[in-house]
Protein backbone atom coordinates (compact mmCIF):
# COMPACT_ATOMS: atom_id res chain seq x y z
CA UNK A 1 34.71 173.28 19.49
CA UNK A 2 37.12 175.59 17.67
CA UNK A 3 40.17 177.53 18.85
CA UNK A 4 38.01 180.60 18.32
CA UNK A 5 35.83 179.51 21.26
CA UNK A 6 38.64 178.53 23.62
CA UNK A 7 39.89 180.54 26.59
CA UNK A 8 43.45 181.16 27.77
CA UNK A 9 44.92 178.03 29.37
CA UNK A 10 42.59 175.59 27.64
CA UNK A 11 44.07 172.86 25.50
CA UNK A 12 42.88 170.21 23.10
CA UNK A 13 43.76 168.01 20.14
CA UNK A 14 43.39 169.15 16.50
CA UNK A 15 40.66 167.23 14.67
CA UNK A 16 40.37 169.25 11.48
CA UNK A 17 41.48 172.54 9.93
CA UNK A 18 38.80 174.53 8.11
CA UNK A 19 38.73 177.94 6.48
CA UNK A 20 41.10 179.52 3.99
CA UNK A 21 42.87 176.68 2.12
CA UNK A 22 46.14 178.66 1.96
CA UNK A 23 46.13 179.14 5.74
CA UNK A 24 45.25 175.46 6.30
CA UNK A 25 48.14 174.41 4.07
CA UNK A 26 50.55 176.71 5.92
CA UNK A 27 49.41 175.42 9.33
CA UNK A 28 49.85 171.84 8.18
CA UNK A 29 53.35 172.68 6.92
CA UNK A 30 54.14 173.98 10.43
CA UNK A 31 53.03 170.66 11.91
CA UNK A 32 49.52 171.55 12.99
CA UNK A 33 47.87 168.37 11.73
CA UNK A 34 45.20 166.02 12.99
CA UNK A 35 46.15 164.71 16.44
CA UNK A 36 48.41 167.65 17.38
CA UNK A 37 48.02 168.88 20.98
CA UNK A 38 47.39 172.63 21.07
CA UNK A 39 47.09 175.18 23.88
CA UNK A 40 45.82 178.76 24.04
CA UNK A 41 48.59 180.85 25.60
CA UNK A 42 47.33 184.41 25.26
CA UNK A 43 44.56 186.52 23.78
CA UNK A 44 45.14 190.19 22.96
CA UNK A 45 43.12 192.70 25.03
CA UNK A 46 40.69 193.35 22.18
CA UNK A 47 40.49 189.62 21.39
CA UNK A 48 42.61 189.54 18.28
CA UNK A 49 45.14 187.93 17.67
CA UNK A 50 45.45 184.79 19.76
CA UNK A 51 48.72 183.11 20.72
CA UNK A 52 48.57 179.34 20.38
CA UNK A 53 51.23 176.81 21.25
CA UNK A 54 51.89 173.50 19.49
CA UNK A 55 54.91 171.33 18.73
CA UNK A 56 57.14 173.44 20.98
CA UNK A 57 56.54 176.88 19.51
CA UNK A 58 54.04 179.73 19.76
CA UNK A 59 52.05 181.11 16.85
CA UNK A 60 49.91 184.26 16.68
CA UNK A 61 46.72 183.71 14.70
CA UNK A 62 43.79 185.98 13.90
CA UNK A 63 40.53 185.06 15.56
CA UNK A 64 38.76 184.89 12.21
CA UNK A 65 41.31 182.28 11.10
CA UNK A 66 41.00 180.24 14.30
CA UNK A 67 38.68 177.61 12.85
CA UNK A 68 40.77 174.61 13.83
CA UNK A 69 38.41 172.00 15.25
CA UNK A 70 39.61 170.32 18.41
């Protein structure tokens, strides 16, 4: 399952980050690495962006970039 497929309130553990290598590197620098608990906080009315929470902070991410496997 990916973050892309998750609904508000669902949570999981990061298994792998796929997609744009620059985005993956930035997410890893923020602490979103394998084993990190993550939760979907909010999804914009039209579905993009999504607000995810991990390591004590919230991050808005585009749906097309939400390919983090949990």
